[in-house]
C-alpha atoms as a PDB file:
ATOM      1  CA  MET A   1     -22.444   7.268-116.384  1.00  0.00           C
ATOM      2  CA  SER A   2     -24.222   9.404-113.860  1.00  0.00           C
ATOM      3  CA  ARG A   3     -22.687   9.897-110.554  1.00  0.00           C
ATOM      4  CA  SER A   4     -24.680   9.544-107.013  1.00  0.00           C
ATOM      5  CA  ILE A   5     -26.015  12.330-105.667  1.00  0.00           C
ATOM      6  CA  ALA A   6     -24.262  11.705-102.565  1.00  0.00           C
ATOM      7  CA  GLU A   7     -21.113  12.407-105.121  1.00  0.00           C
ATOM      8  CA  GLN A   8     -22.948  15.043-105.970  1.00  0.00           C
ATOM      9  CA  VAL A   9     -22.971  17.402-103.044  1.00  0.00           C
ATOM     10  CA  PRO A  10     -20.655  18.800-101.291  1.00  0.00           C
ATOM     11  CA  GLU A  11     -19.403  17.601 -97.919  1.00  0.00           C
ATOM     12  CA  GLN A  12     -20.623  20.779 -95.400  1.00  0.00           C
ATOM     13  CA  ARG A  13     -19.710  20.630 -91.888  1.00  0.00           C
ATOM     14  CA  PHE A  14     -19.696  22.792 -88.824  1.00  0.00           C
ATOM     15  CA  ASP A  15     -16.868  22.972 -86.054  1.00  0.00           C
ATOM     16  CA  ALA A  16     -18.813  24.019 -83.116  1.00  0.00           C
ATOM     17  CA  LEU A  17     -15.954  24.237 -80.624  1.00  0.00           C
ATOM     18  CA  ASP A  18     -13.948  26.523 -82.886  1.00  0.00           C
ATOM     19  CA  HIS A  19     -17.236  28.286 -84.380  1.00  0.00           C
ATOM     20  CA  ARG A  20     -16.008  27.173 -88.433  1.00  0.00           C
ATOM     21  CA  TYR A  21     -17.676  25.923 -90.862  1.00  0.00           C
ATOM     22  CA  PHE A  22     -16.106  23.905 -93.798  1.00  0.00           C
ATOM     23  CA  ILE A  23     -17.141  23.138 -97.733  1.00  0.00           C
ATOM     24  CA  ASN A  24     -15.089  19.892 -98.576  1.00  0.00           C
ATOM     25  CA  ASN A  25     -12.487  20.269 -95.908  1.00  0.00           C
ATOM     26  CA  ALA A  26     -12.238  23.949 -97.351  1.00  0.00           C
ATOM     27  CA  GLU A  27     -12.636  25.851 -94.636  1.00  0.00           C
ATOM     28  CA  VAL A  28     -15.066  28.552 -95.948  1.00  0.00           C
ATOM     29  CA  CYS A  29     -16.962  32.553 -94.466  1.00  0.00           C
ATOM     30  CA  HIS A  30     -19.615  32.564 -91.992  1.00  0.00           C
ATOM     31  CA  ILE A  31     -21.706  35.206 -91.224  1.00  0.00           C
ATOM     32  CA  THR A  32     -20.393  36.719 -87.466  1.00  0.00           C
ATOM     33  CA  GLY A  33     -16.824  37.129 -89.123  1.00  0.00           C
ATOM     34  CA  MET A  34     -18.230  38.432 -92.941  1.00  0.00           C
ATOM     35  CA  LEU A  35     -20.045  41.115 -90.715  1.00  0.00           C
ATOM     36  CA  ALA A  36     -16.398  41.887 -88.885  1.00  0.00           C
ATOM     37  CA  ASP A  37     -14.506  42.563 -91.742  1.00  0.00           C
ATOM     38  CA  THR A  38     -17.070  44.836 -93.484  1.00  0.00           C
ATOM     39  CA  GLY A  39     -17.609  47.172 -90.312  1.00  0.00           C
ATOM     40  CA  TRP A  40     -20.923  46.159 -89.795  1.00  0.00           C
ATOM     41  CA  ILE A  41     -19.783  45.000 -85.721  1.00  0.00           C
ATOM     42  CA  ASP A  42     -18.711  46.957 -83.156  1.00  0.00           C
ATOM     43  CA  ASP A  43     -17.263  44.953 -80.721  1.00  0.00           C
ATOM     44  CA  ALA A  44     -16.693  47.704 -78.402  1.00  0.00           C
ATOM     45  CA  TRP A  45     -19.611  46.223 -76.733  1.00  0.00           C
ATOM     46  CA  PHE A  46     -17.989  42.399 -76.352  1.00  0.00           C
ATOM     47  CA  THR A  47     -16.961  41.675 -73.249  1.00  0.00           C
ATOM     48  CA  ALA A  48     -16.210  38.075 -71.281  1.00  0.00           C
ATOM     49  CA  GLU A  49     -19.162  38.416 -69.354  1.00  0.00           C
ATOM     50  CA  SER A  50     -21.823  39.467 -72.456  1.00  0.00           C
ATOM     51  CA  SER A  51     -20.125  36.280 -74.154  1.00  0.00           C
ATOM     52  CA  GLU A  52     -20.276  33.781 -71.386  1.00  0.00           C
ATOM     53  CA  ARG A  53     -24.347  35.393 -70.922  1.00  0.00           C
ATOM     54  CA  GLY A  54     -24.941  34.350 -74.503  1.00  0.00           C
ATOM     55  CA  GLN A  55     -23.713  31.359 -74.437  1.00  0.00           C
ATOM     56  CA  ILE A  56     -25.394  30.284 -71.588  1.00  0.00           C
ATOM     57  CA  VAL A  57     -28.967  31.253 -72.921  1.00  0.00           C
ATOM     58  CA  HIS A  58     -28.492  30.543 -76.516  1.00  0.00           C
ATOM     59  CA  ARG A  59     -27.629  26.921 -74.984  1.00  0.00           C
ATOM     60  CA  LEU A  60     -31.006  27.336 -72.280  1.00  0.00           C
ATOM     61  CA  CYS A  61     -32.544  28.576 -75.141  1.00  0.00           C
ATOM     62  CA  ALA A  62     -32.478  25.313 -77.544  1.00  0.00           C
ATOM     63  CA  ASP A  63     -32.492  22.798 -74.784  1.00  0.00           C
ATOM     64  CA  TYR A  64     -36.235  24.336 -73.932  1.00  0.00           C
ATOM     65  CA  ASP A  65     -37.140  24.753 -77.633  1.00  0.00           C
ATOM     66  CA  LEU A  66     -35.848  20.749 -77.880  1.00  0.00           C
ATOM     67  CA  GLY A  67     -37.717  19.515 -75.244  1.00  0.00           C
ATOM     68  CA  ALA A  68     -35.095  18.988 -72.815  1.00  0.00           C
ATOM     69  CA  ILE A  69     -36.132  21.424 -70.245  1.00  0.00           C
ATOM     70  CA  PRO A  70     -39.613  20.486 -69.060  1.00  0.00           C
ATOM     71  CA  ASP A  71     -39.482  22.744 -65.765  1.00  0.00           C
ATOM     72  CA  PRO A  72     -38.132  26.589 -67.180  1.00  0.00           C
ATOM     73  CA  ALA A  73     -38.352  27.271 -63.283  1.00  0.00           C
ATOM     74  CA  ALA A  74     -37.249  24.950 -62.119  1.00  0.00           C
ATOM     75  CA  VAL A  75     -33.210  26.220 -63.852  1.00  0.00           C
ATOM     76  CA  GLU A  76     -30.576  27.803 -61.816  1.00  0.00           C
ATOM     77  CA  CYS A  77     -28.235  30.439 -63.550  1.00  0.00           C
ATOM     78  CA  LYS A  78     -27.047  34.036 -62.594  1.00  0.00           C
ATOM     79  CA  HIS A  79     -28.628  34.562 -66.421  1.00  0.00           C
ATOM     80  CA  LYS A  80     -32.316  32.403 -65.403  1.00  0.00           C
ATOM     81  CA  GLY A  81     -34.396  36.154 -66.186  1.00  0.00           C
ATOM     82  CA  TYR A  82     -33.020  36.260 -70.081  1.00  0.00           C
ATOM     83  CA  PHE A  83     -33.882  32.105 -69.873  1.00  0.00           C
ATOM     84  CA  LEU A  84     -37.588  33.234 -68.914  1.00  0.00           C
ATOM     85  CA  GLY A  85     -38.081  36.125 -70.769  1.00  0.00           C
ATOM     86  CA  TYR A  86     -37.449  34.273 -73.982  1.00  0.00           C
ATOM     87  CA  VAL A  87     -40.083  31.232 -72.501  1.00  0.00           C
ATOM     88  CA  THR A  88     -42.590  33.821 -72.040  1.00  0.00           C
ATOM     89  CA  ALA A  89     -41.789  35.503 -75.359  1.00  0.00           C
ATOM     90  CA  MET A  90     -42.369  31.804 -76.873  1.00  0.00           C
ATOM     91  CA  ARG A  91     -45.391  30.827 -74.778  1.00  0.00           C
ATOM     92  CA  VAL A  92     -47.033  33.884 -76.304  1.00  0.00           C
ATOM     93  CA  ILE A  93     -45.716  34.289 -80.622  1.00  0.00           C
ATOM     94  CA  LYS A  94     -46.383  29.894 -80.418  1.00  0.00           C
ATOM     95  CA  PRO A  95     -43.825  29.150 -83.121  1.00  0.00           C
ATOM     96  CA  ARG A  96     -43.470  26.236 -84.764  1.00  0.00           C
ATOM     97  CA  TRP A  97     -39.561  25.831 -85.576  1.00  0.00           C
ATOM     98  CA  THR A  98     -38.523  23.749 -88.331  1.00  0.00           C
ATOM     99  CA  HIS A  99     -34.080  24.245 -87.133  1.00  0.00           C
ATOM    100  CA  VAL A 100     -32.892  25.071 -83.707  1.00  0.00           C
ATOM    101  CA  GLU A 101     -29.086  26.830 -84.352  1.00  0.00           C
ATOM    102  CA  THR A 102     -28.484  24.293 -87.220  1.00  0.00           C
ATOM    103  CA  ALA A 103     -25.119  25.677 -89.207  1.00  0.00           C
ATOM    104  CA  MET A 104     -26.544  25.916 -93.648  1.00  0.00           C
ATOM    105  CA  PHE A 105     -24.483  26.578 -95.899  1.00  0.00           C
ATOM    106  CA  ASP A 106     -24.879  29.045 -99.429  1.00  0.00           C
ATOM    107  CA  LEU A 107     -22.589  25.943-102.005  1.00  0.00           C
ATOM    108  CA  VAL A 108     -22.731  28.636-104.200  1.00  0.00           C
ATOM    109  CA  ASP A 109     -20.711  31.309-102.843  1.00  0.00           C
ATOM    110  CA  ARG A 110     -19.346  29.175-100.876  1.00  0.00           C
ATOM    111  CA  TRP A 111     -20.025  30.312 -97.001  1.00  0.00           C
ATOM    112  CA  GLY A 112     -22.103  29.619 -93.546  1.00  0.00           C
ATOM    113  CA  GLY A 113     -24.112  30.572 -90.664  1.00  0.00           C
ATOM    114  CA  ARG A 114     -26.025  29.780 -87.998  1.00  0.00           C
ATOM    115  CA  PRO A 115     -29.572  30.668 -87.550  1.00  0.00           C
ATOM    116  CA  ASP A 116     -30.927  30.795 -84.001  1.00  0.00           C
ATOM    117  CA  ARG A 117     -34.560  29.882 -85.025  1.00  0.00           C
ATOM    118  CA  VAL A 118     -36.188  28.821 -88.584  1.00  0.00           C
ATOM    119  CA  GLY A 119     -39.435  28.188 -88.617  1.00  0.00           C
ATOM    120  CA  LYS A 120     -43.225  29.447 -88.814  1.00  0.00           C
ATOM    121  CA  VAL A 121     -44.167  32.814 -86.936  1.00  0.00           C
ATOM    122  CA  TRP A 122     -47.598  33.749 -86.665  1.00  0.00           C
ATOM    123  CA  GLY A 123     -48.197  31.319 -89.908  1.00  0.00           C
ATOM    124  CA  ALA A 124     -45.441  32.410 -92.053  1.00  0.00           C
ATOM    125  CA  TRP A 125     -41.630  31.519 -92.438  1.00  0.00           C
ATOM    126  CA  ALA A 126     -39.183  33.517 -90.421  1.00  0.00           C
ATOM    127  CA  VAL A 127     -35.558  33.690 -88.765  1.00  0.00           C
ATOM    128  CA  LEU A 128     -35.412  34.718 -85.500  1.00  0.00           C
ATOM    129  CA  GLU A 129     -32.239  36.148 -83.431  1.00  0.00           C
ATOM    130  CA  ILE A 130     -31.991  36.141 -79.619  1.00  0.00           C
ATOM    131  CA  LYS A 131     -30.400  38.714 -78.447  1.00  0.00           C
ATOM    132  CA  THR A 132     -29.647  39.065 -75.103  1.00  0.00           C
ATOM    133  CA  GLY A 133     -27.319  42.618 -75.087  1.00  0.00           C
ATOM    134  CA  VAL A 134     -27.516  46.066 -76.854  1.00  0.00           C
ATOM    135  CA  ALA A 135     -29.132  47.036 -80.390  1.00  0.00           C
ATOM    136  CA  ALA A 136     -26.868  46.043 -82.918  1.00  0.00           C
ATOM    137  CA  LYS A 137     -26.644  47.519 -86.030  1.00  0.00           C
ATOM    138  CA  ALA A 138     -25.472  44.356 -87.457  1.00  0.00           C
ATOM    139  CA  THR A 139     -28.503  42.849 -86.606  1.00  0.00           C
ATOM    140  CA  PRO A 140     -30.998  43.722 -89.911  1.00  0.00           C
ATOM    141  CA  ILE A 141     -28.085  42.774 -91.985  1.00  0.00           C
ATOM    142  CA  GLN A 142     -27.516  39.260 -89.611  1.00  0.00           C
ATOM    143  CA  LEU A 143     -30.905  38.399 -90.502  1.00  0.00           C
ATOM    144  CA  ALA A 144     -30.874  39.653 -93.802  1.00  0.00           C
ATOM    145  CA  LEU A 145     -27.815  36.661 -94.619  1.00  0.00           C
ATOM    146  CA  GLN A 146     -29.620  34.536 -92.460  1.00  0.00           C
ATOM    147  CA  ALA A 147     -32.715  34.679 -94.903  1.00  0.00           C
ATOM    148  CA  ILE A 148     -30.075  33.907 -97.556  1.00  0.00           C
ATOM    149  CA  LEU A 149     -29.412  30.494 -96.324  1.00  0.00           C
ATOM    150  CA  ALA A 150     -32.640  29.248 -94.842  1.00  0.00           C
ATOM    151  CA  ALA A 151     -34.026  30.068 -98.266  1.00  0.00           C
ATOM    152  CA  PRO A 152     -33.222  27.185-100.643  1.00  0.00           C
ATOM    153  CA  GLU A 153     -34.826  24.874 -97.781  1.00  0.00           C
ATOM    154  CA  LEU A 154     -38.020  26.881 -97.747  1.00  0.00           C
ATOM    155  CA  HIS A 155     -38.472  27.348-101.314  1.00  0.00           C
ATOM    156  CA  LEU A 156     -38.957  31.055-101.036  1.00  0.00           C
ATOM    157  CA  PRO A 157     -37.200  34.194-102.217  1.00  0.00           C
ATOM    158  CA  PRO A 158     -34.928  35.762 -99.158  1.00  0.00           C
ATOM    159  CA  GLU A 159     -37.198  38.330 -99.309  1.00  0.00           C
ATOM    160  CA  ARG A 160     -40.632  36.762 -98.646  1.00  0.00           C
ATOM    161  CA  ILE A 161     -38.897  35.206 -94.979  1.00  0.00           C
ATOM    162  CA  LEU A 162     -39.365  37.749 -92.195  1.00  0.00           C
ATOM    163  CA  ARG A 163     -37.329  38.720 -89.933  1.00  0.00           C
ATOM    164  CA  TYR A 164     -37.426  39.413 -86.203  1.00  0.00           C
ATOM    165  CA  GLU A 165     -35.238  40.045 -83.362  1.00  0.00           C
ATOM    166  CA  LEU A 166     -36.095  38.465 -79.629  1.00  0.00           C
ATOM    167  CA  GLN A 167     -33.973  41.088 -76.790  1.00  0.00           C
ATOM    168  CA  VAL A 168     -34.607  39.081 -73.504  1.00  0.00           C
ATOM    169  CA  ARG A 169     -33.595  40.737 -70.780  1.00  0.00           C
ATOM    170  CA  LYS A 170     -32.594  39.920 -66.970  1.00  0.00           C
ATOM    171  CA  THR A 171     -36.177  40.996 -65.541  1.00  0.00           C
ATOM    172  CA  GLY A 172     -37.194  38.369 -67.385  1.00  0.00           C
ATOM    173  CA  LYS A 173     -39.195  40.958 -70.293  1.00  0.00           C
ATOM    174  CA  ALA A 174     -38.467  40.131 -74.052  1.00  0.00           C
ATOM    175  CA  THR A 175     -39.748  42.451 -77.167  1.00  0.00           C
ATOM    176  CA  LEU A 176     -40.093  41.126 -80.425  1.00  0.00           C
ATOM    177  CA  LEU A 177     -38.469  43.066 -83.072  1.00  0.00           C
ATOM    178  CA  GLU A 178     -39.961  42.766 -87.192  1.00  0.00           C
ATOM    179  CA  HIS A 179     -36.730  43.762 -89.181  1.00  0.00           C
ATOM    180  CA  PRO A 180     -38.929  44.363 -92.552  1.00  0.00           C
ATOM    181  CA  ASP A 181     -36.734  47.050 -94.303  1.00  0.00           C
ATOM    182  CA  PRO A 182     -36.044  45.417 -97.997  1.00  0.00           C
ATOM    183  CA  ARG A 183     -32.903  47.182 -98.653  1.00  0.00           C
ATOM    184  CA  ASP A 184     -31.008  45.254 -95.620  1.00  0.00           C
ATOM    185  CA  PHE A 185     -30.891  42.036 -98.651  1.00  0.00           C
ATOM    186  CA  SER A 186     -28.804  45.031-100.990  1.00  0.00           C
ATOM    187  CA  LYS A 187     -26.701  45.290 -97.724  1.00  0.00           C
ATOM    188  CA  ALA A 188     -26.280  41.830 -97.036  1.00  0.00           C
ATOM    189  CA  ARG A 189     -25.810  40.780-100.303  1.00  0.00           C
ATOM    190  CA  ASP A 190     -22.943  43.823-100.750  1.00  0.00           C
ATOM    191  CA  VAL A 191     -21.260  41.867 -97.290  1.00  0.00           C
ATOM    192  CA  ILE A 192     -21.121  37.923 -99.696  1.00  0.00           C
ATOM    193  CA  ALA A 193     -19.656  39.718-102.676  1.00  0.00           C
ATOM    194  CA  GLU A 194     -17.027  41.917-100.143  1.00  0.00           C
ATOM    195  CA  CYS A 195     -16.555  38.542 -98.562  1.00  0.00           C
ATOM    196  CA  CYS A 196     -16.626  35.575-100.450  1.00  0.00           C
ATOM    197  CA  ARG A 197     -16.285  36.992-104.538  1.00  0.00           C
ATOM    198  CA  ALA A 198     -12.808  37.481-104.084  1.00  0.00           C
END
């Protein structure tokens, strides 16, 4: 007797309040924790102010992409410049996002993550990470991990997914950086092996 599809696919759940990922009610690793555990993240730059700024800007950018902010200029917020930098970049790039802050899971190695954006950028599949702070050495590896998560849904090898970092600034400017080094994927898979296959 065959099982239904619902019985074959494990339950996947993301707890946004505590930033925790679960597969069949068992907590699993996530990208930020994995990068911290393997020494890629330097928390010397993390402050309460930068954390608050990042959360607010990410929420505004997601609301904008989901159509909840029709007039970005009308937004009143102390971090408005970062948000307007994002809006300006999106108007130039004209992406087609298929996933906005969507939790994804690797059911084989049992870990999860939430890419800021997944979709088409200039006609090619891409992941994009929004950054409001200083450049971080972990970002290329973070994006490689996100591409690995998105690959099954996009039916592509992860290495075929473009990886972009969008640095937004309080001045309302933004810089789009591509991270094309294929060696990032070897490092990302080392992170997975160290954190998820013990």
